[in-house]
C-alpha atoms as a PDB file:
ATOM      1  CA  UNK A   1       6.458  31.384 -12.602  1.00  0.00           C
ATOM      2  CA  UNK A   2       4.682  29.498 -15.404  1.00  0.00           C
ATOM      3  CA  UNK A   3       7.397  26.795 -15.321  1.00  0.00           C
ATOM      4  CA  UNK A   4       6.813  26.251 -11.598  1.00  0.00           C
ATOM      5  CA  UNK A   5       3.032  26.133 -12.094  1.00  0.00           C
ATOM      6  CA  UNK A   6       3.375  23.628 -14.958  1.00  0.00           C
ATOM      7  CA  UNK A   7       5.668  21.444 -12.847  1.00  0.00           C
ATOM      8  CA  UNK A   8       3.207  21.436  -9.932  1.00  0.00           C
ATOM      9  CA  UNK A   9       0.342  20.505 -12.249  1.00  0.00           C
ATOM     10  CA  UNK A  10       2.388  17.637 -13.730  1.00  0.00           C
ATOM     11  CA  UNK A  11       3.231  16.330 -10.248  1.00  0.00           C
ATOM     12  CA  UNK A  12      -0.429  16.178  -9.250  1.00  0.00           C
ATOM     13  CA  UNK A  13      -1.472  14.179 -12.312  1.00  0.00           C
ATOM     14  CA  UNK A  14      -2.018  10.545 -11.522  1.00  0.00           C
ATOM     15  CA  UNK A  15      -1.206   7.594 -13.672  1.00  0.00           C
ATOM     16  CA  UNK A  16      -4.320   6.029 -15.177  1.00  0.00           C
ATOM     17  CA  UNK A  17      -4.584   2.259 -15.489  1.00  0.00           C
ATOM     18  CA  UNK A  18      -5.094   1.524 -19.199  1.00  0.00           C
ATOM     19  CA  UNK A  19      -7.258  -1.560 -18.580  1.00  0.00           C
ATOM     20  CA  UNK A  20      -9.746   0.006 -16.157  1.00  0.00           C
ATOM     21  CA  UNK A  21      -9.449   3.742 -16.758  1.00  0.00           C
ATOM     22  CA  UNK A  22      -9.037   4.181 -12.981  1.00  0.00           C
ATOM     23  CA  UNK A  23      -6.400   6.317 -11.319  1.00  0.00           C
ATOM     24  CA  UNK A  24      -3.494   4.302  -9.914  1.00  0.00           C
ATOM     25  CA  UNK A  25      -3.197   4.675  -6.125  1.00  0.00           C
ATOM     26  CA  UNK A  26      -0.455   2.997  -4.085  1.00  0.00           C
ATOM     27  CA  UNK A  27      -0.959   1.067  -0.848  1.00  0.00           C
ATOM     28  CA  UNK A  28       1.258   3.683   0.798  1.00  0.00           C
ATOM     29  CA  UNK A  29      -1.209   6.402  -0.151  1.00  0.00           C
ATOM     30  CA  UNK A  30      -4.147   4.219   0.900  1.00  0.00           C
ATOM     31  CA  UNK A  31      -2.517   3.780   4.321  1.00  0.00           C
ATOM     32  CA  UNK A  32      -2.557   7.544   4.864  1.00  0.00           C
ATOM     33  CA  UNK A  33      -6.364   7.547   4.575  1.00  0.00           C
ATOM     34  CA  UNK A  34      -7.207   5.633   7.724  1.00  0.00           C
ATOM     35  CA  UNK A  35      -9.573   8.004   9.513  1.00  0.00           C
ATOM     36  CA  UNK A  36     -13.336   8.226   9.543  1.00  0.00           C
ATOM     37  CA  UNK A  37     -13.240  11.564   7.688  1.00  0.00           C
ATOM     38  CA  UNK A  38     -11.169  10.348   4.749  1.00  0.00           C
ATOM     39  CA  UNK A  39     -11.141   6.560   4.974  1.00  0.00           C
ATOM     40  CA  UNK A  40     -10.090   4.403   2.057  1.00  0.00           C
ATOM     41  CA  UNK A  41     -10.074   0.614   1.766  1.00  0.00           C
ATOM     42  CA  UNK A  42      -8.898  -1.772  -0.920  1.00  0.00           C
ATOM     43  CA  UNK A  43     -11.132  -4.609  -2.135  1.00  0.00           C
ATOM     44  CA  UNK A  44     -10.060  -6.843  -5.005  1.00  0.00           C
ATOM     45  CA  UNK A  45      -7.272  -4.408  -5.961  1.00  0.00           C
ATOM     46  CA  UNK A  46      -9.654  -1.431  -6.267  1.00  0.00           C
ATOM     47  CA  UNK A  47      -9.497   1.557  -3.917  1.00  0.00           C
ATOM     48  CA  UNK A  48     -12.739   2.736  -2.320  1.00  0.00           C
ATOM     49  CA  UNK A  49     -13.372   6.053  -0.547  1.00  0.00           C
ATOM     50  CA  UNK A  50     -15.859   4.997   2.136  1.00  0.00           C
ATOM     51  CA  UNK A  51     -16.413   8.239   4.072  1.00  0.00           C
ATOM     52  CA  UNK A  52     -19.915   8.739   2.651  1.00  0.00           C
ATOM     53  CA  UNK A  53     -20.807   5.080   3.217  1.00  0.00           C
ATOM     54  CA  UNK A  54     -19.777   5.409   6.878  1.00  0.00           C
ATOM     55  CA  UNK A  55     -21.735   8.654   7.277  1.00  0.00           C
ATOM     56  CA  UNK A  56     -24.926   6.898   6.193  1.00  0.00           C
ATOM     57  CA  UNK A  57     -24.388   4.050   8.661  1.00  0.00           C
ATOM     58  CA  UNK A  58     -25.370   1.518   6.020  1.00  0.00           C
ATOM     59  CA  UNK A  59     -23.201  -1.431   7.052  1.00  0.00           C
ATOM     60  CA  UNK A  60     -25.325  -4.187   8.629  1.00  0.00           C
ATOM     61  CA  UNK A  61     -22.380  -5.384  10.731  1.00  0.00           C
ATOM     62  CA  UNK A  62     -21.874  -1.923  12.195  1.00  0.00           C
ATOM     63  CA  UNK A  63     -19.285   0.713  11.401  1.00  0.00           C
ATOM     64  CA  UNK A  64     -16.499  -0.968  13.394  1.00  0.00           C
ATOM     65  CA  UNK A  65     -16.307  -3.682  10.742  1.00  0.00           C
ATOM     66  CA  UNK A  66     -15.218  -0.992   8.276  1.00  0.00           C
ATOM     67  CA  UNK A  67     -13.306   1.329  10.605  1.00  0.00           C
ATOM     68  CA  UNK A  68     -10.805  -1.398  11.497  1.00  0.00           C
ATOM     69  CA  UNK A  69      -9.981  -1.848   7.805  1.00  0.00           C
ATOM     70  CA  UNK A  70      -9.466   1.799   6.854  1.00  0.00           C
ATOM     71  CA  UNK A  71      -6.119   2.379   5.208  1.00  0.00           C
ATOM     72  CA  UNK A  72      -5.639  -1.315   4.377  1.00  0.00           C
ATOM     73  CA  UNK A  73      -6.362  -3.988   1.825  1.00  0.00           C
ATOM     74  CA  UNK A  74      -9.537  -5.509   3.250  1.00  0.00           C
ATOM     75  CA  UNK A  75     -10.101  -8.134   0.557  1.00  0.00           C
ATOM     76  CA  UNK A  76      -9.553 -11.128   2.828  1.00  0.00           C
ATOM     77  CA  UNK A  77     -11.668  -9.620   5.624  1.00  0.00           C
ATOM     78  CA  UNK A  78     -14.456  -8.845   3.139  1.00  0.00           C
ATOM     79  CA  UNK A  79     -14.336 -12.311   1.614  1.00  0.00           C
ATOM     80  CA  UNK A  80     -14.024 -14.041   4.996  1.00  0.00           C
ATOM     81  CA  UNK A  81     -17.146 -12.262   6.226  1.00  0.00           C
ATOM     82  CA  UNK A  82     -19.124 -13.979   3.476  1.00  0.00           C
ATOM     83  CA  UNK A  83     -20.138 -10.880   1.547  1.00  0.00           C
ATOM     84  CA  UNK A  84     -22.050 -11.443  -1.663  1.00  0.00           C
ATOM     85  CA  UNK A  85     -21.287 -10.071  -5.102  1.00  0.00           C
ATOM     86  CA  UNK A  86     -24.298  -7.826  -4.552  1.00  0.00           C
ATOM     87  CA  UNK A  87     -22.605  -6.304  -1.494  1.00  0.00           C
ATOM     88  CA  UNK A  88     -19.551  -5.535  -3.600  1.00  0.00           C
ATOM     89  CA  UNK A  89     -21.735  -4.081  -6.364  1.00  0.00           C
ATOM     90  CA  UNK A  90     -23.280  -1.679  -3.825  1.00  0.00           C
ATOM     91  CA  UNK A  91     -19.824  -0.185  -3.294  1.00  0.00           C
ATOM     92  CA  UNK A  92     -19.137   0.496  -6.988  1.00  0.00           C
ATOM     93  CA  UNK A  93     -20.038   4.175  -6.634  1.00  0.00           C
ATOM     94  CA  UNK A  94     -17.234   4.600  -4.078  1.00  0.00           C
ATOM     95  CA  UNK A  95     -14.373   3.396  -6.319  1.00  0.00           C
ATOM     96  CA  UNK A  96     -11.691   6.046  -6.708  1.00  0.00           C
ATOM     97  CA  UNK A  97      -8.791   4.043  -8.105  1.00  0.00           C
ATOM     98  CA  UNK A  98      -6.845   0.822  -8.484  1.00  0.00           C
ATOM     99  CA  UNK A  99      -3.570  -0.410  -7.043  1.00  0.00           C
ATOM    100  CA  UNK A 100      -0.412  -0.367  -9.169  1.00  0.00           C
ATOM    101  CA  UNK A 101       0.173  -3.689 -10.949  1.00  0.00           C
ATOM    102  CA  UNK A 102       3.069  -4.604  -8.645  1.00  0.00           C
ATOM    103  CA  UNK A 103       0.873  -4.229  -5.537  1.00  0.00           C
ATOM    104  CA  UNK A 104      -2.173  -6.152  -6.740  1.00  0.00           C
ATOM    105  CA  UNK A 105      -3.098  -9.485  -5.172  1.00  0.00           C
ATOM    106  CA  UNK A 106      -4.763 -10.667  -8.347  1.00  0.00           C
ATOM    107  CA  UNK A 107      -7.948 -11.724  -6.563  1.00  0.00           C
ATOM    108  CA  UNK A 108     -11.107 -10.934  -8.454  1.00  0.00           C
ATOM    109  CA  UNK A 109     -14.681 -10.741  -7.307  1.00  0.00           C
ATOM    110  CA  UNK A 110     -15.445 -13.467  -9.874  1.00  0.00           C
ATOM    111  CA  UNK A 111     -13.579 -15.823  -7.527  1.00  0.00           C
ATOM    112  CA  UNK A 112     -16.004 -15.198  -4.654  1.00  0.00           C
ATOM    113  CA  UNK A 113     -17.540 -18.361  -3.277  1.00  0.00           C
ATOM    114  CA  UNK A 114     -21.183 -17.851  -2.467  1.00  0.00           C
END
């Protein structure tokens, strides 16, 4: 029984990105979190859990702007909407992980044109 328990614990451990210290989360897993109650989005290769943000109704463009992006990489939508670096900084508390290296777009918030 202990062997089975140890194996299950090992399988639930996530890889941690050595550069950021964030858990590595694949786009496939992100895509399974596409509902209001557990919504995730990717911005600049980082994964955000935005359920709490949606519950507070904080988005000035309305919740639909976020709901349509749940379960996806929303970097281009976010950038195209003209968000500021300050807007991205507001979301820092919602970061739960980062994409695996092979799935990253390599866009960084430093590249934002204001």
